[in-house]
N, C-alpha and C. Protein backbone atom coordinates (compact mmCIF):
# COMPACT_ATOMS: atom_id res chain seq x y z
N MET A 1 103.41 179.71 218.68
CA MET A 1 102.69 179.72 217.23
C MET A 1 102.60 177.77 217.56
N ILE A 2 101.55 176.96 217.13
CA ILE A 2 101.36 175.70 217.10
C ILE A 2 101.94 175.06 215.92
N LYS A 3 102.77 174.28 216.14
CA LYS A 3 103.19 173.47 215.02
C LYS A 3 101.99 172.57 214.01
N MET A 4 102.19 172.66 212.72
CA MET A 4 101.42 171.87 211.98
C MET A 4 101.29 170.41 212.38
N GLU A 5 102.47 169.74 212.79
CA GLU A 5 102.48 168.47 213.32
C GLU A 5 101.43 168.06 214.41
N LYS A 6 101.22 169.22 215.23
CA LYS A 6 100.47 168.98 216.18
C LYS A 6 98.96 169.13 215.84
N ILE A 7 98.82 169.81 214.82
CA ILE A 7 97.28 170.05 214.35
C ILE A 7 96.75 168.72 213.59
N CYS A 8 97.63 168.32 212.76
CA CYS A 8 97.72 167.21 211.50
C CYS A 8 98.74 166.39 211.75
N PRO A 9 98.82 165.23 212.56
CA PRO A 9 100.00 164.46 212.49
C PRO A 9 100.32 163.68 211.25
N ILE A 10 99.29 163.56 210.28
CA ILE A 10 99.91 162.97 208.93
C ILE A 10 100.56 163.93 208.08
N THR A 11 100.51 165.15 208.44
CA THR A 11 101.61 166.17 207.70
C THR A 11 103.12 165.60 207.59
N THR A 12 103.52 165.34 208.93
CA THR A 12 105.15 165.10 208.86
C THR A 12 105.23 163.75 208.08
N ILE A 13 104.48 162.75 208.07
CA ILE A 13 104.42 161.60 207.29
C ILE A 13 104.61 161.71 205.74
N ILE A 14 103.34 162.60 205.42
CA ILE A 14 103.13 162.73 203.92
C ILE A 14 104.35 163.71 203.45
N GLU A 15 105.03 164.65 204.49
CA GLU A 15 106.10 165.31 203.65
C GLU A 15 107.31 164.41 203.50
N VAL A 16 107.41 163.41 204.51
CA VAL A 16 108.76 162.55 203.94
C VAL A 16 108.08 161.41 203.05
N LEU A 17 106.98 160.87 203.07
CA LEU A 17 106.81 159.96 202.06
C LEU A 17 106.66 160.47 200.60
N SER A 18 106.27 161.79 200.50
CA SER A 18 106.22 162.39 198.98
C SER A 18 107.55 162.85 198.63
N LYS A 19 108.75 162.59 199.09
CA LYS A 19 110.09 162.80 198.86
C LYS A 19 110.29 162.02 197.75
N LYS A 20 110.95 162.22 196.81
CA LYS A 20 111.69 161.38 195.67
C LYS A 20 112.16 160.18 196.13
N TRP A 21 112.28 158.92 195.77
CA TRP A 21 113.08 157.63 196.30
C TRP A 21 112.27 157.22 197.35
N THR A 22 111.61 157.80 198.35
CA THR A 22 111.31 156.99 199.69
C THR A 22 110.29 155.95 199.40
N LEU A 23 109.36 156.01 198.62
CA LEU A 23 108.60 154.82 198.36
C LEU A 23 109.01 153.83 197.76
N LEU A 24 110.05 153.95 196.94
CA LEU A 24 110.94 152.93 196.14
C LEU A 24 111.84 152.28 197.46
N ILE A 25 112.37 153.08 198.23
CA ILE A 25 113.06 152.41 199.26
C ILE A 25 112.27 151.60 200.15
N LEU A 26 111.12 152.11 200.58
CA LEU A 26 110.04 151.36 201.40
C LEU A 26 109.79 149.97 200.69
N ARG A 27 109.66 150.17 199.55
CA ARG A 27 109.29 148.90 198.67
C ARG A 27 110.19 148.02 198.84
N GLN A 28 111.32 148.19 198.67
CA GLN A 28 112.36 147.34 198.71
C GLN A 28 112.68 146.94 200.17
N LEU A 29 112.34 147.39 200.97
CA LEU A 29 112.57 147.09 202.46
C LEU A 29 111.19 146.00 202.75
N ASN A 30 110.37 146.33 202.04
CA ASN A 30 109.13 145.41 202.37
C ASN A 30 109.48 143.91 201.82
N GLY A 31 108.82 143.10 202.55
CA GLY A 31 109.15 141.61 202.30
C GLY A 31 110.41 141.10 202.50
N SER A 32 111.22 141.86 203.20
CA SER A 32 112.75 141.30 203.17
C SER A 32 112.81 141.63 204.86
N SER A 33 113.45 140.75 205.52
CA SER A 33 113.75 140.79 206.93
C SER A 33 114.63 141.76 207.16
N LYS A 34 115.62 142.18 206.37
CA LYS A 34 116.63 143.47 206.63
C LYS A 34 117.29 143.41 205.08
N LYS A 35 117.97 144.70 205.11
CA LYS A 35 118.55 145.18 203.94
C LYS A 35 119.91 145.96 204.47
N ARG A 36 121.02 145.93 203.68
CA ARG A 36 122.09 146.64 204.16
C ARG A 36 122.34 147.95 202.94
N PHE A 37 122.78 149.01 203.51
CA PHE A 37 122.93 150.09 202.75
C PHE A 37 123.31 150.02 200.90
N ASN A 38 124.50 148.86 200.85
CA ASN A 38 124.87 148.71 199.46
C ASN A 38 123.64 147.86 198.67
N GLU A 39 123.00 147.12 199.27
CA GLU A 39 121.80 146.54 198.73
C GLU A 39 120.76 147.29 198.23
N LEU A 40 120.28 148.15 199.08
CA LEU A 40 119.44 149.39 198.71
C LEU A 40 119.88 150.25 197.74
N LEU A 41 121.17 150.40 197.62
CA LEU A 41 121.83 151.62 196.75
C LEU A 41 121.71 150.99 195.18
N LYS A 42 122.01 149.22 194.99
CA LYS A 42 121.97 148.61 193.95
C LYS A 42 120.49 148.59 193.43
N GLU A 43 119.78 148.52 194.56
CA GLU A 43 118.08 147.92 194.09
C GLU A 43 117.47 149.07 193.82
N VAL A 44 117.59 150.28 194.19
CA VAL A 44 116.96 151.85 193.99
C VAL A 44 117.93 152.32 192.93
N VAL A 45 117.45 152.11 191.79
CA VAL A 45 118.45 152.57 190.46
C VAL A 45 118.29 153.73 190.49
N ASN A 46 119.47 154.50 190.31
CA ASN A 46 119.82 155.97 190.04
C ASN A 46 119.65 156.62 191.30
N ILE A 47 119.60 156.20 192.38
CA ILE A 47 119.31 156.86 193.74
C ILE A 47 121.10 157.10 194.03
N THR A 48 121.47 158.26 194.43
CA THR A 48 122.81 158.65 194.92
C THR A 48 123.16 158.12 196.41
N PRO A 49 124.11 157.80 196.83
CA PRO A 49 124.58 157.52 198.19
C PRO A 49 124.05 158.40 199.13
N ARG A 50 124.19 159.90 198.88
CA ARG A 50 123.84 160.85 199.64
C ARG A 50 122.52 161.00 200.03
N THR A 51 121.81 160.65 198.86
CA THR A 51 120.25 160.63 198.94
C THR A 51 119.61 159.67 199.78
N LEU A 52 120.07 158.39 199.25
CA LEU A 52 119.75 157.48 200.16
C LEU A 52 119.94 157.32 201.74
N SER A 53 120.95 157.99 202.00
CA SER A 53 121.46 158.04 203.42
C SER A 53 120.49 159.10 204.08
N LYS A 54 120.22 160.33 203.41
CA LYS A 54 119.25 161.22 203.90
C LYS A 54 117.87 160.66 203.98
N ARG A 55 117.33 159.86 203.04
CA ARG A 55 115.87 159.29 202.96
C ARG A 55 116.04 158.44 204.23
N LEU A 56 116.87 157.75 204.46
CA LEU A 56 116.90 156.38 205.28
C LEU A 56 116.96 157.05 206.86
N LYS A 57 117.44 158.36 206.94
CA LYS A 57 117.39 158.88 208.22
C LYS A 57 116.09 159.57 208.59
N GLU A 58 115.57 160.01 207.50
CA GLU A 58 114.12 160.66 207.54
C GLU A 58 113.19 159.54 208.08
N LEU A 59 113.43 158.47 207.46
CA LEU A 59 112.36 157.04 207.61
C LEU A 59 112.78 156.63 208.99
N ILE A 60 113.99 156.66 209.54
CA ILE A 60 114.15 156.33 211.08
C ILE A 60 113.58 157.55 212.01
N LYS A 61 113.51 158.42 211.62
CA LYS A 61 113.22 159.71 212.41
C LYS A 61 111.76 159.62 212.83
N ILE A 62 110.99 159.13 211.49
CA ILE A 62 109.47 158.96 211.92
C ILE A 62 109.01 157.69 212.04
N LYS A 63 110.09 156.62 212.48
CA LYS A 63 110.01 155.35 213.02
C LYS A 63 109.20 154.32 212.45
N VAL A 64 109.78 154.65 210.92
CA VAL A 64 109.07 153.61 209.96
C VAL A 64 109.99 152.68 209.75
N ILE A 65 111.28 152.79 209.67
CA ILE A 65 112.37 151.84 209.66
C ILE A 65 113.27 152.07 210.60
N LYS A 66 113.96 151.06 211.11
CA LYS A 66 115.25 150.87 212.12
C LYS A 66 116.47 150.71 211.36
N LYS A 67 117.22 151.13 212.29
CA LYS A 67 118.93 150.76 211.78
C LYS A 67 119.39 150.01 212.85
N ARG A 68 120.01 148.93 212.21
CA ARG A 68 120.80 147.88 213.46
C ARG A 68 122.43 148.12 212.86
N GLN A 69 123.27 148.62 214.03
CA GLN A 69 124.83 148.72 213.63
C GLN A 69 125.36 147.57 214.42
N PHE A 70 126.31 146.82 213.88
CA PHE A 70 127.00 145.87 214.17
C PHE A 70 128.54 146.22 214.59
N ASN A 71 128.94 146.04 215.66
CA ASN A 71 130.44 146.31 216.18
C ASN A 71 131.17 145.27 215.59
N GLU A 72 131.41 145.59 214.21
CA GLU A 72 132.40 144.66 213.37
C GLU A 72 133.27 145.25 212.52
N ILE A 73 134.38 144.72 212.14
CA ILE A 73 135.45 145.22 211.14
C ILE A 73 135.19 144.57 209.85
N PRO A 74 134.89 144.94 208.64
CA PRO A 74 134.32 146.27 208.43
C PRO A 74 132.80 146.45 208.82
N PRO A 75 132.59 147.81 209.23
CA PRO A 75 131.27 148.24 209.88
C PRO A 75 129.90 147.33 208.99
N ARG A 76 129.27 146.96 209.71
CA ARG A 76 128.07 146.41 209.14
C ARG A 76 126.68 146.95 209.64
N VAL A 77 125.97 147.45 208.96
CA VAL A 77 124.66 148.02 209.31
C VAL A 77 123.48 147.36 208.39
N GLU A 78 122.39 147.56 209.00
CA GLU A 78 121.28 146.73 208.46
C GLU A 78 120.01 147.56 208.50
N TYR A 79 119.22 147.69 207.86
CA TYR A 79 117.76 148.46 208.02
C TYR A 79 116.84 147.78 207.58
N LYS A 80 115.74 147.67 208.66
CA LYS A 80 114.34 146.96 208.24
C LYS A 80 112.78 147.87 208.51
N LEU A 81 111.91 147.35 208.18
CA LEU A 81 110.79 148.25 208.77
C LEU A 81 110.41 147.64 209.92
N THR A 82 109.74 148.75 210.81
CA THR A 82 109.45 148.47 212.14
C THR A 82 108.08 148.12 211.87
N GLU A 83 107.21 147.77 213.19
CA GLU A 83 106.08 147.48 213.02
C GLU A 83 105.33 148.71 212.33
N SER A 84 105.39 149.71 212.80
CA SER A 84 104.89 150.99 212.28
C SER A 84 104.88 150.94 210.55
N GLY A 85 106.21 150.78 210.31
CA GLY A 85 106.50 150.69 208.79
C GLY A 85 105.64 149.63 208.16
N ARG A 86 105.51 148.44 208.83
CA ARG A 86 104.77 147.29 208.08
C ARG A 86 103.19 147.71 208.01
N GLU A 87 102.65 148.27 209.07
CA GLU A 87 101.24 148.84 208.94
C GLU A 87 100.82 149.80 207.95
N LEU A 88 102.05 150.76 207.79
CA LEU A 88 101.91 151.53 206.73
C LEU A 88 101.87 151.15 205.33
N ILE A 89 102.71 150.09 205.25
CA ILE A 89 102.68 149.36 203.76
C ILE A 89 101.30 148.92 203.73
N LYS A 90 100.53 148.34 204.55
CA LYS A 90 99.36 147.91 204.58
C LYS A 90 98.32 148.98 203.78
N CYS A 91 98.73 150.34 204.62
CA CYS A 91 97.73 151.51 203.93
C CYS A 91 98.07 151.44 202.56
N PHE A 92 99.43 151.53 202.26
CA PHE A 92 99.53 151.82 200.71
C PHE A 92 98.62 150.70 199.85
N ARG A 93 98.47 149.45 200.24
CA ARG A 93 97.95 148.54 199.44
C ARG A 93 96.27 148.91 199.22
N TYR A 94 95.69 149.39 200.41
CA TYR A 94 94.39 150.19 200.27
C TYR A 94 94.53 151.27 199.44
N LEU A 95 95.35 152.32 199.54
CA LEU A 95 95.54 153.38 198.52
C LEU A 95 95.65 153.00 197.18
N ASP A 96 96.50 151.73 196.86
CA ASP A 96 96.50 151.25 195.46
C ASP A 96 95.04 150.62 195.06
N ASP A 97 94.55 150.14 195.93
CA ASP A 97 93.22 149.75 195.40
C ASP A 97 92.35 150.78 195.09
N TRP A 98 92.51 151.81 195.97
CA TRP A 98 91.57 153.08 195.70
C TRP A 98 91.88 153.58 194.48
N ALA A 99 93.37 154.11 194.01
CA ALA A 99 93.53 154.56 192.74
C ALA A 99 93.31 153.62 191.63
N LYS A 100 93.18 152.45 191.85
CA LYS A 100 92.75 151.56 190.49
C LYS A 100 91.08 151.76 190.41
N ASN A 101 90.50 151.86 191.56
CA ASN A 101 89.14 152.11 191.18
C ASN A 101 88.35 153.41 190.89
N TRP A 102 89.47 154.58 191.55
CA TRP A 102 89.01 156.15 191.16
C TRP A 102 90.06 156.69 190.66
N GLY A 103 91.22 156.59 190.58
CA GLY A 103 92.17 157.27 190.03
C GLY A 103 91.97 157.60 188.49
């Protein structure tokens, strides 16, 4: 059986982006060179640490963000948009314009 992702590549992206909190996480990463987990946890109001962790992993999997780990004590991890993620943000701007005109 052929997987849906092979037929329509946008399916996987829409699946991830449509989950609660995902767009808010991307909004916080946009315009920032990098963010740490606890920064995102504070900025995305009411998200649980478990959900934030899951959403970050999903965004990493589709290569919209990347994670950088530092070999330090205490451990330090930073997240930032990839080039693909920055291009995706541009698409959101077009979608926002469309929604304002037609939504």
